[in-house]
Amino acid sequence: MVQIADPGLVATYPVRIVRLGRGAPMLQLSLVTRKTDDDSRTLAAMREAMHTALMTAQRQRSDRGM
């Protein structure tokens, strides 16, 4: 079982998608950083990517009426 972050992966590799339904387990992620890392461009990119993924997932859920 893998988390597919990029739909292009499905087109590139032979992946079978099995929908698990509403009662499926959820994946939770947290990003914790040190105060000294506030200026890190790498961590800023990671924060932005996580924020974008969260907003996209929330938008998709609301579009489906969930």
Protein backbone atom coordinates (compact mmCIF):
# COMPACT_ATOMS: atom_id res chain seq x y z
CA MET A 1 0.00 0.00 0.00
CA VAL A 2 1.40 3.40 -0.95
CA GLN A 3 0.25 6.98 -0.64
CA ILE A 4 0.02 8.42 -4.14
CA ALA A 5 0.95 12.09 -4.06
CA ASP A 6 1.20 12.62 -7.80
CA PRO A 7 -1.41 11.33 -10.26
CA GLY A 8 1.41 11.17 -12.82
CA LEU A 9 2.81 8.20 -10.91
CA VAL A 10 -0.32 6.22 -11.74
CA ALA A 11 0.19 6.93 -15.43
CA THR A 12 3.89 6.03 -15.26
CA TYR A 13 3.82 2.88 -13.12
CA PRO A 14 1.42 -0.08 -13.07
CA VAL A 15 -0.56 0.92 -9.98
CA ARG A 16 -3.96 -0.50 -9.04
CA ILE A 17 -6.09 1.91 -7.01
CA VAL A 18 -8.44 0.39 -4.45
CA ARG A 19 -10.87 2.85 -2.87
CA LEU A 20 -11.18 2.13 0.85
CA GLY A 21 -14.38 4.09 1.48
CA ARG A 22 -15.40 6.43 4.29
CA GLY A 23 -14.35 4.17 7.16
CA ALA A 24 -10.80 3.78 5.89
CA PRO A 25 -7.80 4.59 8.08
CA MET A 26 -6.49 8.12 7.81
CA LEU A 27 -2.95 9.32 7.45
CA GLN A 28 -1.95 12.12 9.80
CA LEU A 29 1.24 14.12 9.39
CA SER A 30 2.80 16.80 11.54
CA LEU A 31 5.69 19.10 10.76
CA VAL A 32 7.67 20.26 13.75
CA THR A 33 10.62 22.62 13.35
CA ARG A 34 13.11 24.34 15.58
CA LYS A 35 13.04 28.10 16.04
CA THR A 36 16.50 28.26 14.45
CA ASP A 37 15.05 26.77 11.26
CA ASP A 38 12.66 29.68 10.62
CA ASP A 39 14.79 30.89 7.68
CA SER A 40 15.25 27.44 6.09
CA ARG A 41 14.12 27.53 2.45
CA THR A 42 13.85 23.74 2.44
CA LEU A 43 11.49 23.69 5.41
CA ALA A 44 9.52 26.62 4.00
CA ALA A 45 9.00 24.58 0.83
CA MET A 46 7.91 21.59 2.93
CA ARG A 47 5.44 23.73 4.90
CA GLU A 48 4.01 25.15 1.68
CA ALA A 49 3.68 21.69 0.13
CA MET A 50 1.89 20.35 3.21
CA HIS A 51 -0.41 23.39 3.28
CA THR A 52 -1.24 22.98 -0.42
CA ALA A 53 -1.95 19.26 0.05
CA LEU A 54 -4.23 20.00 3.00
CA MET A 55 -6.16 22.69 1.14
CA THR A 56 -6.54 20.42 -1.91
CA ALA A 57 -7.82 17.53 0.22
CA GLN A 58 -10.28 19.78 2.03
CA ARG A 59 -11.54 21.22 -1.26
CA GLN A 60 -12.01 17.72 -2.72
CA ARG A 61 -13.92 16.58 0.38
CA SER A 62 -16.21 19.60 0.25
CA ASP A 63 -16.79 19.08 -3.49
CA ARG A 64 -17.90 15.52 -2.72
CA GLY A 65 -20.14 16.72 0.09
CA MET A 66 -18.16 15.06 2.86
